Amino acid sequence: MAKGDILALHLVLLIVMMSEAPPEGIKHVVPIKQVEKPIKITEQAKVELQSSGIMDEKGKLKLKGVSPKMLKRMKLEAVDCPVLNSEIGFMQCYVCKNFFSRPTGKVYCKGDPI
């Protein structure tokens, strides 16, 4: 193997290793799972959604830049919340103060007590 090939391979390995590690301050990496029926959003989550402008007075979700088709799919997703120790809908997870980001198929959770 040439010296340049070894360096390229080393660089690729570093990139893969860096992409697997969660950001600093993240205690939990929670997988997202599909459910048959949408999980009901708690009243507290509804208030947070309405105050942030994501939900209107009638209870309809509206996210800028997110199509209705994607919203429908997000309603059929759930996570096993490590903070609440229960299964919750992704939309409730999304408005939680512990939500950090959502890479493909998982949620980064800060894990602080609520």
PDB file of N, CA and C in Angstrom:
ATOM      1  N   MET A   1       0.837  -1.183   0.000  1.00  0.00           N
ATOM      2  CA  MET A   1       0.000   0.000   0.000  1.00  0.00           C
ATOM      3  C   MET A   1       0.883   1.248   0.000  1.00  0.00           C
ATOM      4  N   ALA A   2       0.507   2.199  -0.786  1.00  0.00           N
ATOM      5  CA  ALA A   2       1.269   3.443  -0.867  1.00  0.00           C
ATOM      6  C   ALA A   2       0.984   4.312   0.350  1.00  0.00           C
ATOM      7  N   LYS A   3       1.915   5.211   0.621  1.00  0.00           N
ATOM      8  CA  LYS A   3       1.796   6.089   1.785  1.00  0.00           C
ATOM      9  C   LYS A   3       0.511   6.945   1.705  1.00  0.00           C
ATOM     10  N   GLY A   4       0.183   7.410   0.509  1.00  0.00           N
ATOM     11  CA  GLY A   4      -1.030   8.217   0.318  1.00  0.00           C
ATOM     12  C   GLY A   4      -2.295   7.412   0.585  1.00  0.00           C
ATOM     13  N   ASP A   5      -2.285   6.122   0.207  1.00  0.00           N
ATOM     14  CA  ASP A   5      -3.449   5.264   0.463  1.00  0.00           C
ATOM     15  C   ASP A   5      -3.655   5.051   1.957  1.00  0.00           C
ATOM     16  N   ILE A   6      -2.571   4.881   2.687  1.00  0.00           N
ATOM     17  CA  ILE A   6      -2.661   4.678   4.139  1.00  0.00           C
ATOM     18  C   ILE A   6      -3.205   5.924   4.812  1.00  0.00           C
ATOM     19  N   LEU A   7      -2.729   7.102   4.379  1.00  0.00           N
ATOM     20  CA  LEU A   7      -3.233   8.352   4.954  1.00  0.00           C
ATOM     21  C   LEU A   7      -4.717   8.545   4.652  1.00  0.00           C
ATOM     22  N   ALA A   8      -5.133   8.212   3.436  1.00  0.00           N
ATOM     23  CA  ALA A   8      -6.544   8.338   3.063  1.00  0.00           C
ATOM     24  C   ALA A   8      -7.404   7.391   3.893  1.00  0.00           C
ATOM     25  N   LEU A   9      -6.926   6.156   4.080  1.00  0.00           N
ATOM     26  CA  LEU A   9      -7.660   5.188   4.884  1.00  0.00           C
ATOM     27  C   LEU A   9      -7.752   5.659   6.334  1.00  0.00           C
ATOM     28  N   HIS A  10      -6.678   6.205   6.865  1.00  0.00           N
ATOM     29  CA  HIS A  10      -6.668   6.724   8.231  1.00  0.00           C
ATOM     30  C   HIS A  10      -7.662   7.875   8.382  1.00  0.00           C
ATOM     31  N   LEU A  11      -7.715   8.754   7.392  1.00  0.00           N
ATOM     32  CA  LEU A  11      -8.644   9.881   7.424  1.00  0.00           C
ATOM     33  C   LEU A  11     -10.089   9.389   7.406  1.00  0.00           C
ATOM     34  N   VAL A  12     -10.387   8.411   6.581  1.00  0.00           N
ATOM     35  CA  VAL A  12     -11.739   7.850   6.522  1.00  0.00           C
ATOM     36  C   VAL A  12     -12.122   7.235   7.866  1.00  0.00           C
ATOM     37  N   LEU A  13     -11.203   6.504   8.489  1.00  0.00           N
ATOM     38  CA  LEU A  13     -11.485   5.911   9.802  1.00  0.00           C
ATOM     39  C   LEU A  13     -11.742   6.980  10.856  1.00  0.00           C
ATOM     40  N   LEU A  14     -10.987   8.063  10.831  1.00  0.00           N
ATOM     41  CA  LEU A  14     -11.206   9.150  11.779  1.00  0.00           C
ATOM     42  C   LEU A  14     -12.579   9.788  11.597  1.00  0.00           C
ATOM     43  N   ILE A  15     -12.979   9.990  10.355  1.00  0.00           N
ATOM     44  CA  ILE A  15     -14.282  10.589  10.072  1.00  0.00           C
ATOM     45  C   ILE A  15     -15.398   9.678  10.565  1.00  0.00           C
ATOM     46  N   VAL A  16     -15.286   8.375  10.339  1.00  0.00           N
ATOM     47  CA  VAL A  16     -16.305   7.428  10.794  1.00  0.00           C
ATOM     48  C   VAL A  16     -16.375   7.423  12.313  1.00  0.00           C
ATOM     49  N   MET A  17     -15.229   7.427  12.984  1.00  0.00           N
ATOM     50  CA  MET A  17     -15.217   7.412  14.443  1.00  0.00           C
ATOM     51  C   MET A  17     -15.825   8.686  15.010  1.00  0.00           C
ATOM     52  N   MET A  18     -15.558   9.839  14.389  1.00  0.00           N
ATOM     53  CA  MET A  18     -16.092  11.102  14.871  1.00  0.00           C
ATOM     54  C   MET A  18     -17.592  11.182  14.652  1.00  0.00           C
ATOM     55  N   SER A  19     -18.096  10.619  13.565  1.00  0.00           N
ATOM     56  CA  SER A  19     -19.526  10.703  13.281  1.00  0.00           C
ATOM     57  C   SER A  19     -20.338   9.802  14.206  1.00  0.00           C
ATOM     58  N   GLU A  20     -19.727   8.780  14.799  1.00  0.00           N
ATOM     59  CA  GLU A  20     -20.430   7.868  15.698  1.00  0.00           C
ATOM     60  C   GLU A  20     -20.559   8.431  17.108  1.00  0.00           C
ATOM     61  N   ALA A  21     -19.657   9.292  17.519  1.00  0.00           N
ATOM     62  CA  ALA A  21     -19.667   9.818  18.884  1.00  0.00           C
ATOM     63  C   ALA A  21     -20.714  10.926  19.013  1.00  0.00           C
ATOM     64  N   PRO A  22     -21.549  10.862  20.056  1.00  0.00           N
ATOM     65  CA  PRO A  22     -22.524  11.940  20.258  1.00  0.00           C
ATOM     66  C   PRO A  22     -21.818  13.212  20.712  1.00  0.00           C
ATOM     67  N   PRO A  23     -22.455  14.363  20.530  1.00  0.00           N
ATOM     68  CA  PRO A  23     -21.858  15.628  20.963  1.00  0.00           C
ATOM     69  C   PRO A  23     -21.647  15.662  22.478  1.00  0.00           C
ATOM     70  N   GLU A  24     -20.788  16.554  22.909  1.00  0.00           N
ATOM     71  CA  GLU A  24     -20.495  16.698  24.331  1.00  0.00           C
ATOM     72  C   GLU A  24     -21.745  17.168  25.077  1.00  0.00           C
ATOM     73  N   GLY A  25     -21.961  16.639  26.267  1.00  0.00           N
ATOM     74  CA  GLY A  25     -23.127  17.002  27.076  1.00  0.00           C
ATOM     75  C   GLY A  25     -24.327  16.107  26.837  1.00  0.00           C
ATOM     76  N   ILE A  26     -24.212  15.136  25.954  1.00  0.00           N
ATOM     77  CA  ILE A  26     -25.308  14.222  25.645  1.00  0.00           C
ATOM     78  C   ILE A  26     -25.136  12.961  26.485  1.00  0.00           C
ATOM     79  N   LYS A  27     -26.159  12.661  27.296  1.00  0.00           N
ATOM     80  CA  LYS A  27     -26.094  11.489  28.165  1.00  0.00           C
ATOM     81  C   LYS A  27     -26.721  10.254  27.529  1.00  0.00           C
ATOM     82  N   HIS A  28     -27.708  10.461  26.644  1.00  0.00           N
ATOM     83  CA  HIS A  28     -28.447   9.331  26.080  1.00  0.00           C
ATOM     84  C   HIS A  28     -28.575   9.474  24.564  1.00  0.00           C
ATOM     85  N   VAL A  29     -28.398   8.372  23.878  1.00  0.00           N
ATOM     86  CA  VAL A  29     -28.714   8.280  22.453  1.00  0.00           C
ATOM     87  C   VAL A  29     -29.872   7.294  22.364  1.00  0.00           C
ATOM     88  N   VAL A  30     -31.061   7.811  22.052  1.00  0.00           N
ATOM     89  CA  VAL A  30     -32.286   7.021  22.104  1.00  0.00           C
ATOM     90  C   VAL A  30     -32.748   6.688  20.686  1.00  0.00           C
ATOM     91  N   PRO A  31     -32.940   5.397  20.386  1.00  0.00           N
ATOM     92  CA  PRO A  31     -33.414   5.041  19.041  1.00  0.00           C
ATOM     93  C   PRO A  31     -34.890   5.417  18.856  1.00  0.00           C
ATOM     94  N   ILE A  32     -35.218   5.807  17.637  1.00  0.00           N
ATOM     95  CA  ILE A  32     -36.610   6.134  17.298  1.00  0.00           C
ATOM     96  C   ILE A  32     -37.252   4.875  16.745  1.00  0.00           C
ATOM     97  N   LYS A  33     -38.480   4.592  17.190  1.00  0.00           N
ATOM     98  CA  LYS A  33     -39.172   3.408  16.690  1.00  0.00           C
ATOM     99  C   LYS A  33     -40.528   3.798  16.119  1.00  0.00           C
ATOM    100  N   GLN A  34     -41.023   2.969  15.235  1.00  0.00           N
ATOM    101  CA  GLN A  34     -42.317   3.191  14.597  1.00  0.00           C
ATOM    102  C   GLN A  34     -43.411   2.557  15.449  1.00  0.00           C
ATOM    103  N   VAL A  35     -44.576   3.220  15.518  1.00  0.00           N
ATOM    104  CA  VAL A  35     -45.733   2.685  16.236  1.00  0.00           C
ATOM    105  C   VAL A  35     -46.921   2.625  15.292  1.00  0.00           C
ATOM    106  N   GLU A  36     -47.902   1.777  15.646  1.00  0.00           N
ATOM    107  CA  GLU A  36     -49.096   1.613  14.804  1.00  0.00           C
ATOM    108  C   GLU A  36     -50.006   2.841  14.850  1.00  0.00           C
ATOM    109  N   LYS A  37     -50.262   3.339  16.086  1.00  0.00           N
ATOM    110  CA  LYS A  37     -51.145   4.486  16.281  1.00  0.00           C
ATOM    111  C   LYS A  37     -50.364   5.594  16.978  1.00  0.00           C
ATOM    112  N   PRO A  38     -50.671   6.849  16.666  1.00  0.00           N
ATOM    113  CA  PRO A  38     -49.968   7.957  17.331  1.00  0.00           C
ATOM    114  C   PRO A  38     -50.167   7.916  18.850  1.00  0.00           C
ATOM    115  N   ILE A  39     -49.121   8.236  19.581  1.00  0.00           N
ATOM    116  CA  ILE A  39     -49.197   8.302  21.039  1.00  0.00           C
ATOM    117  C   ILE A  39     -49.703   9.688  21.409  1.00  0.00           C
ATOM    118  N   LYS A  40     -50.669   9.735  22.321  1.00  0.00           N
ATOM    119  CA  LYS A  40     -51.264  11.011  22.734  1.00  0.00           C
ATOM    120  C   LYS A  40     -50.210  11.913  23.368  1.00  0.00           C
ATOM    121  N   ILE A  41     -50.312  13.192  23.063  1.00  0.00           N
ATOM    122  CA  ILE A  41     -49.403  14.190  23.628  1.00  0.00           C
ATOM    123  C   ILE A  41     -50.004  14.672  24.946  1.00  0.00           C
ATOM    124  N   THR A  42     -49.167  14.787  25.975  1.00  0.00           N
ATOM    125  CA  THR A  42     -49.652  15.244  27.281  1.00  0.00           C
ATOM    126  C   THR A  42     -50.076  16.710  27.203  1.00  0.00           C
ATOM    127  N   GLU A  43     -50.874  17.137  28.174  1.00  0.00           N
ATOM    128  CA  GLU A  43     -51.337  18.524  28.213  1.00  0.00           C
ATOM    129  C   GLU A  43     -50.163  19.497  28.354  1.00  0.00           C
ATOM    130  N   GLN A  44     -49.171  19.123  29.147  1.00  0.00           N
ATOM    131  CA  GLN A  44     -47.992  19.971  29.323  1.00  0.00           C
ATOM    132  C   GLN A  44     -47.260  20.155  27.993  1.00  0.00           C
ATOM    133  N   ALA A  45     -47.128  19.078  27.237  1.00  0.00           N
ATOM    134  CA  ALA A  45     -46.467  19.163  25.934  1.00  0.00           C
ATOM    135  C   ALA A  45     -47.287  20.009  24.965  1.00  0.00           C
ATOM    136  N   LYS A  46     -48.626  19.894  25.039  1.00  0.00           N
ATOM    137  CA  LYS A  46     -49.481  20.705  24.169  1.00  0.00           C
ATOM    138  C   LYS A  46     -49.292  22.189  24.456  1.00  0.00           C
ATOM    139  N   VAL A  47     -49.203  22.544  25.749  1.00  0.00           N
ATOM    140  CA  VAL A  47     -48.999  23.943  26.126  1.00  0.00           C
ATOM    141  C   VAL A  47     -47.665  24.440  25.586  1.00  0.00           C
ATOM    142  N   GLU A  48     -46.622  23.613  25.695  1.00  0.00           N
ATOM    143  CA  GLU A  48     -45.310  23.994  25.182  1.00  0.00           C
ATOM    144  C   GLU A  48     -45.335  24.138  23.665  1.00  0.00           C
ATOM    145  N   LEU A  49     -46.033  23.238  22.984  1.00  0.00           N
ATOM    146  CA  LEU A  49     -46.142  23.317  21.530  1.00  0.00           C
ATOM    147  C   LEU A  49     -46.884  24.578  21.108  1.00  0.00           C
ATOM    148  N   GLN A  50     -47.961  24.920  21.825  1.00  0.00           N
ATOM    149  CA  GLN A  50     -48.728  26.111  21.483  1.00  0.00           C
ATOM    150  C   GLN A  50     -47.938  27.383  21.788  1.00  0.00           C
ATOM    151  N   SER A  51     -47.221  27.402  22.887  1.00  0.00           N
ATOM    152  CA  SER A  51     -46.462  28.608  23.238  1.00  0.00           C
ATOM    153  C   SER A  51     -45.294  28.837  22.281  1.00  0.00           C
ATOM    154  N   SER A  52     -44.752  27.773  21.718  1.00  0.00           N
ATOM    155  CA  SER A  52     -43.643  27.926  20.767  1.00  0.00           C
ATOM    156  C   SER A  52     -44.133  28.131  19.334  1.00  0.00           C
ATOM    157  N   GLY A  53     -45.456  28.081  19.119  1.00  0.00           N
ATOM    158  CA  GLY A  53     -46.011  28.327  17.798  1.00  0.00           C
ATOM    159  C   GLY A  53     -46.036  27.111  16.890  1.00  0.00           C
ATOM    160  N   ILE A  54     -45.735  25.937  17.424  1.00  0.00           N
ATOM    161  CA  ILE A  54     -45.734  24.721  16.617  1.00  0.00           C
ATOM    162  C   ILE A  54     -47.150  24.162  16.477  1.00  0.00           C
ATOM    163  N   MET A  55     -48.010  24.441  17.452  1.00  0.00           N
ATOM    164  CA  MET A  55     -49.389  23.944  17.430  1.00  0.00           C
ATOM    165  C   MET A  55     -50.340  25.138  17.517  1.00  0.00           C
ATOM    166  N   ASP A  56     -51.400  25.112  16.702  1.00  0.00           N
ATOM    167  CA  ASP A  56     -52.383  26.193  16.778  1.00  0.00           C
ATOM    168  C   ASP A  56     -53.414  25.892  17.871  1.00  0.00           C
ATOM    169  N   GLU A  57     -54.389  26.795  18.037  1.00  0.00           N
ATOM    170  CA  GLU A  57     -55.398  26.661  19.093  1.00  0.00           C
ATOM    171  C   GLU A  57     -56.256  25.420  18.935  1.00  0.00           C
ATOM    172  N   LYS A  58     -56.423  24.967  17.684  1.00  0.00           N
ATOM    173  CA  LYS A  58     -57.254  23.793  17.407  1.00  0.00           C
ATOM    174  C   LYS A  58     -56.520  22.475  17.643  1.00  0.00           C
ATOM    175  N   GLY A  59     -55.210  22.546  17.910  1.00  0.00           N
ATOM    176  CA  GLY A  59     -54.436  21.338  18.153  1.00  0.00           C
ATOM    177  C   GLY A  59     -53.745  20.784  16.922  1.00  0.00           C
ATOM    178  N   LYS A  60     -53.681  21.587  15.864  1.00  0.00           N
ATOM    179  CA  LYS A  60     -53.038  21.137  14.628  1.00  0.00           C
ATOM    180  C   LYS A  60     -51.568  21.570  14.638  1.00  0.00           C
ATOM    181  N   LEU A  61     -50.680  20.610  14.325  1.00  0.00           N
ATOM    182  CA  LEU A  61     -49.244  20.884  14.321  1.00  0.00           C
ATOM    183  C   LEU A  61     -48.827  21.565  13.033  1.00  0.00           C
ATOM    184  N   LYS A  62     -47.943  22.565  13.162  1.00  0.00           N
ATOM    185  CA  LYS A  62     -47.415  23.270  12.002  1.00  0.00           C
ATOM    186  C   LYS A  62     -45.955  23.603  12.273  1.00  0.00           C
ATOM    187  N   LEU A  63     -45.078  22.971  11.518  1.00  0.00           N
ATOM    188  CA  LEU A  63     -43.648  23.255  11.612  1.00  0.00           C
ATOM    189  C   LEU A  63     -43.188  23.879  10.307  1.00  0.00           C
ATOM    190  N   LYS A  64     -42.487  24.992  10.391  1.00  0.00           N
ATOM    191  CA  LYS A  64     -41.976  25.626   9.172  1.00  0.00           C
ATOM    192  C   LYS A  64     -40.943  24.720   8.542  1.00  0.00           C
ATOM    193  N   GLY A  65     -41.063  24.523   7.253  1.00  0.00           N
ATOM    194  CA  GLY A  65     -40.098  23.715   6.524  1.00  0.00           C
ATOM    195  C   GLY A  65     -40.349  22.219   6.593  1.00  0.00           C
ATOM    196  N   VAL A  66     -41.429  21.806   7.281  1.00  0.00           N
ATOM    197  CA  VAL A  66     -41.750  20.380   7.390  1.00  0.00           C
ATOM    198  C   VAL A  66     -43.089  20.146   6.691  1.00  0.00           C
ATOM    199  N   SER A  67     -43.089  19.235   5.741  1.00  0.00           N
ATOM    200  CA  SER A  67     -44.301  18.965   4.973  1.00  0.00           C
ATOM    201  C   SER A  67     -45.334  18.231   5.828  1.00  0.00           C
ATOM    202  N   PRO A  68     -46.616  18.336   5.472  1.00  0.00           N
ATOM    203  CA  PRO A  68     -47.653  17.599   6.203  1.00  0.00           C
ATOM    204  C   PRO A  68     -47.398  16.086   6.202  1.00  0.00           C
ATOM    205  N   LYS A  69     -46.838  15.583   5.117  1.00  0.00           N
ATOM    206  CA  LYS A  69     -46.531  14.153   5.030  1.00  0.00           C
ATOM    207  C   LYS A  69     -45.474  13.766   6.074  1.00  0.00           C
ATOM    208  N   MET A  70     -44.459  14.600   6.253  1.00  0.00           N
ATOM    209  CA  MET A  70     -43.417  14.333   7.236  1.00  0.00           C
ATOM    210  C   MET A  70     -43.971  14.449   8.656  1.00  0.00           C
ATOM    211  N   LEU A  71     -44.838  15.419   8.894  1.00  0.00           N
ATOM    212  CA  LEU A  71     -45.471  15.561  10.216  1.00  0.00           C
ATOM    213  C   LEU A  71     -46.282  14.316  10.558  1.00  0.00           C
ATOM    214  N   LYS A  72     -47.006  13.808   9.574  1.00  0.00           N
ATOM    215  CA  LYS A  72     -47.808  12.603   9.794  1.00  0.00           C
ATOM    216  C   LYS A  72     -46.906  11.439  10.177  1.00  0.00           C
ATOM    217  N   ARG A  73     -45.767  11.333   9.503  1.00  0.00           N
ATOM    218  CA  ARG A  73     -44.824  10.258   9.803  1.00  0.00           C
ATOM    219  C   ARG A  73     -44.210  10.434  11.193  1.00  0.00           C
ATOM    220  N   MET A  74     -43.924  11.687  11.571  1.00  0.00           N
ATOM    221  CA  MET A  74     -43.342  11.960  12.888  1.00  0.00           C
ATOM    222  C   MET A  74     -44.321  11.617  14.015  1.00  0.00           C
ATOM    223  N   LYS A  75     -45.617  11.761  13.750  1.00  0.00           N
ATOM    224  CA  LYS A  75     -46.627  11.410  14.758  1.00  0.00           C
ATOM    225  C   LYS A  75     -46.659   9.908  15.019  1.00  0.00           C
ATOM    226  N   LEU A  76     -46.200   9.117  14.049  1.00  0.00           N
ATOM    227  CA  LEU A  76     -46.178   7.663  14.188  1.00  0.00           C
ATOM    228  C   LEU A  76     -44.815   7.155  14.664  1.00  0.00           C
ATOM    229  N   GLU A  77     -44.043   8.040  15.273  1.00  0.00           N
ATOM    230  CA  GLU A  77     -42.747   7.665  15.826  1.00  0.00           C
ATOM    231  C   GLU A  77     -42.770   7.851  17.335  1.00  0.00           C
ATOM    232  N   ALA A  78     -42.014   7.000  18.028  1.00  0.00           N
ATOM    233  CA  ALA A  78     -41.959   7.060  19.485  1.00  0.00           C
ATOM    234  C   ALA A  78     -40.538   6.794  19.953  1.00  0.00           C
ATOM    235  N   VAL A  79     -40.259   7.193  21.182  1.00  0.00           N
ATOM    236  CA  VAL A  79     -38.971   6.915  21.820  1.00  0.00           C
ATOM    237  C   VAL A  79     -39.226   6.424  23.236  1.00  0.00           C
ATOM    238  N   ASP A  80     -38.306   5.618  23.754  1.00  0.00           N
ATOM    239  CA  ASP A  80     -38.352   5.221  25.164  1.00  0.00           C
ATOM    240  C   ASP A  80     -37.564   6.271  25.930  1.00  0.00           C
ATOM    241  N   CYS A  81     -38.281   7.210  26.527  1.00  0.00           N
ATOM    242  CA  CYS A  81     -37.652   8.353  27.182  1.00  0.00           C
ATOM    243  C   CYS A  81     -36.880   7.916  28.423  1.00  0.00           C
ATOM    244  N   PRO A  82     -35.564   8.189  28.478  1.00  0.00           N
ATOM    245  CA  PRO A  82     -34.788   7.817  29.653  1.00  0.00           C
ATOM    246  C   PRO A  82     -35.038   8.736  30.848  1.00  0.00           C
ATOM    247  N   VAL A  83     -35.576   9.919  30.608  1.00  0.00           N
ATOM    248  CA  VAL A  83     -35.843  10.862  31.697  1.00  0.00           C
ATOM    249  C   VAL A  83     -37.178  10.537  32.366  1.00  0.00           C
ATOM    250  N   LEU A  84     -38.217  10.290  31.561  1.00  0.00           N
ATOM    251  CA  LEU A  84     -39.545   9.984  32.092  1.00  0.00           C
ATOM    252  C   LEU A  84     -39.749   8.498  32.349  1.00  0.00           C
ATOM    253  N   ASN A  85     -38.829   7.665  31.861  1.00  0.00           N
ATOM    254  CA  ASN A  85     -38.917   6.199  31.979  1.00  0.00           C
ATOM    255  C   ASN A  85     -40.220   5.652  31.413  1.00  0.00           C
ATOM    256  N   SER A  86     -40.620   6.178  30.256  1.00  0.00           N
ATOM    257  CA  SER A  86     -41.824   5.690  29.583  1.00  0.00           C
ATOM    258  C   SER A  86     -41.697   5.944  28.084  1.00  0.00           C
ATOM    259  N   GLU A  87     -42.583   5.309  27.335  1.00  0.00           N
ATOM    260  CA  GLU A  87     -42.620   5.525  25.897  1.00  0.00           C
ATOM    261  C   GLU A  87     -43.439   6.774  25.605  1.00  0.00           C
ATOM    262  N   ILE A  88     -42.858   7.695  24.850  1.00  0.00           N
ATOM    263  CA  ILE A  88     -43.563   8.923  24.487  1.00  0.00           C
ATOM    264  C   ILE A  88     -43.479   9.119  22.984  1.00  0.00           C
ATOM    265  N   GLY A  89     -44.396   9.916  22.440  1.00  0.00           N
ATOM    266  CA  GLY A  89     -44.367  10.238  21.020  1.00  0.00           C
ATOM    267  C   GLY A  89     -43.197  11.156  20.712  1.00  0.00           C
ATOM    268  N   PHE A  90     -42.719  11.100  19.479  1.00  0.00           N
ATOM    269  CA  PHE A  90     -41.563  11.922  19.116  1.00  0.00           C
ATOM    270  C   PHE A  90     -41.857  13.405  19.269  1.00  0.00           C
ATOM    271  N   MET A  91     -43.065  13.848  18.965  1.00  0.00           N
ATOM    272  CA  MET A  91     -43.373  15.277  19.069  1.00  0.00           C
ATOM    273  C   MET A  91     -43.230  15.769  20.499  1.00  0.00           C
ATOM    274  N   GLN A  92     -43.591  14.935  21.479  1.00  0.00           N
ATOM    275  CA  GLN A  92     -43.407  15.314  22.883  1.00  0.00           C
ATOM    276  C   GLN A  92     -41.917  15.377  23.210  1.00  0.00           C
ATOM    277  N   CYS A  93     -41.163  14.461  22.670  1.00  0.00           N
ATOM    278  CA  CYS A  93     -39.711  14.457  22.856  1.00  0.00           C
ATOM    279  C   CYS A  93     -39.101  15.719  22.236  1.00  0.00           C
ATOM    280  N   TYR A  94     -39.609  16.100  21.084  1.00  0.00           N
ATOM    281  CA  TYR A  94     -39.081  17.248  20.344  1.00  0.00           C
ATOM    282  C   TYR A  94     -39.192  18.549  21.137  1.00  0.00           C
ATOM    283  N   VAL A  95     -40.252  18.715  21.915  1.00  0.00           N
ATOM    284  CA  VAL A  95     -40.441  19.960  22.659  1.00  0.00           C
ATOM    285  C   VAL A  95     -39.821  19.910  24.059  1.00  0.00           C
ATOM    286  N   CYS A  96     -39.278  18.771  24.442  1.00  0.00           N
ATOM    287  CA  CYS A  96     -38.657  18.634  25.755  1.00  0.00           C
ATOM    288  C   CYS A  96     -37.382  19.478  25.826  1.00  0.00           C
ATOM    289  N   LYS A  97     -37.088  20.012  27.008  1.00  0.00           N
ATOM    290  CA  LYS A  97     -35.879  20.832  27.163  1.00  0.00           C
ATOM    291  C   LYS A  97     -34.606  20.004  27.029  1.00  0.00           C
ATOM    292  N   ASN A  98     -34.712  18.682  27.145  1.00  0.00           N
ATOM    293  CA  ASN A  98     -33.556  17.802  27.010  1.00  0.00           C
ATOM    294  C   ASN A  98     -33.259  17.408  25.569  1.00  0.00           C
ATOM    295  N   PHE A  99     -34.157  17.712  24.645  1.00  0.00           N
ATOM    296  CA  PHE A  99     -33.941  17.373  23.229  1.00  0.00           C
ATOM    297  C   PHE A  99     -32.775  18.195  22.710  1.00  0.00           C
ATOM    298  N   PHE A 100     -31.799  17.502  22.092  1.00  0.00           N
ATOM    299  CA  PHE A 100     -30.638  18.200  21.531  1.00  0.00           C
ATOM    300  C   PHE A 100     -30.696  18.213  20.015  1.00  0.00           C
ATOM    301  N   SER A 101     -30.780  17.028  19.411  1.00  0.00           N
ATOM    302  CA  SER A 101     -30.909  16.942  17.960  1.00  0.00           C
ATOM    303  C   SER A 101     -31.391  15.549  17.575  1.00  0.00           C
ATOM    304  N   ARG A 102     -31.694  15.417  16.295  1.00  0.00           N
ATOM    305  CA  ARG A 102     -32.204  14.149  15.797  1.00  0.00           C
ATOM    306  C   ARG A 102     -31.438  13.739  14.541  1.00  0.00           C
ATOM    307  N   PRO A 103     -30.321  13.030  14.726  1.00  0.00           N
ATOM    308  CA  PRO A 103     -29.711  12.443  13.529  1.00  0.00           C
ATOM    309  C   PRO A 103     -30.584  11.277  13.067  1.00  0.00           C
ATOM    310  N   THR A 104     -30.326  10.740  11.922  1.00  0.00           N
ATOM    311  CA  THR A 104     -31.163   9.700  11.341  1.00  0.00           C
ATOM    312  C   THR A 104     -31.367   8.516  12.284  1.00  0.00           C
ATOM    313  N   GLY A 105     -32.625   8.277  12.644  1.00  0.00           N
ATOM    314  CA  GLY A 105     -32.989   7.087  13.418  1.00  0.00           C
ATOM    315  C   GLY A 105     -32.725   7.150  14.905  1.00  0.00           C
ATOM    316  N   LYS A 106     -32.284   8.291  15.429  1.00  0.00           N
ATOM    317  CA  LYS A 106     -32.012   8.378  16.864  1.00  0.00           C
ATOM    318  C   LYS A 106     -32.184   9.822  17.345  1.00  0.00           C
ATOM    319  N   VAL A 107     -32.286   9.951  18.671  1.00  0.00           N
ATOM    320  CA  VAL A 107     -32.437  11.256  19.299  1.00  0.00           C
ATOM    321  C   VAL A 107     -31.315  11.428  20.305  1.00  0.00           C
ATOM    322  N   TYR A 108     -30.680  12.590  20.290  1.00  0.00           N
ATOM    323  CA  TYR A 108     -29.687  12.927  21.316  1.00  0.00           C
ATOM    324  C   TYR A 108     -30.418  13.627  22.455  1.00  0.00           C
ATOM    325  N   CYS A 109     -30.302  13.047  23.664  1.00  0.00           N
ATOM    326  CA  CYS A 109     -30.997  13.560  24.847  1.00  0.00           C
ATOM    327  C   CYS A 109     -29.961  14.006  25.873  1.00  0.00           C
ATOM    328  N   LYS A 110     -30.169  15.200  26.454  1.00  0.00           N
ATOM    329  CA  LYS A 110     -29.256  15.709  27.474  1.00  0.00           C
ATOM    330  C   LYS A 110     -29.393  14.939  28.781  1.00  0.00           C
ATOM    331  N   GLY A 111     -30.590  14.410  29.078  1.00  0.00           N
ATOM    332  CA  GLY A 111     -30.786  13.573  30.247  1.00  0.00           C
ATOM    333  C   GLY A 111     -30.907  14.291  31.568  1.00  0.00           C
ATOM    334  N   ASP A 112     -31.131  15.611  31.550  1.00  0.00           N
ATOM    335  CA  ASP A 112     -31.300  16.353  32.794  1.00  0.00           C
ATOM    336  C   ASP A 112     -32.685  16.090  33.383  1.00  0.00           C
ATOM    337  N   PRO A 113     -32.823  16.111  34.731  1.00  0.00           N
ATOM    338  CA  PRO A 113     -34.163  15.909  35.329  1.00  0.00           C
ATOM    339  C   PRO A 113     -35.111  17.041  34.926  1.00  0.00           C
ATOM    340  N   ILE A 114     -36.372  16.689  34.790  1.00  0.00           N
ATOM    341  CA  ILE A 114     -37.378  17.690  34.392  1.00  0.00           C
ATOM    342  C   ILE A 114     -38.074  18.222  35.628  1.00  0.00           C
TER     343      ILE A 114
END
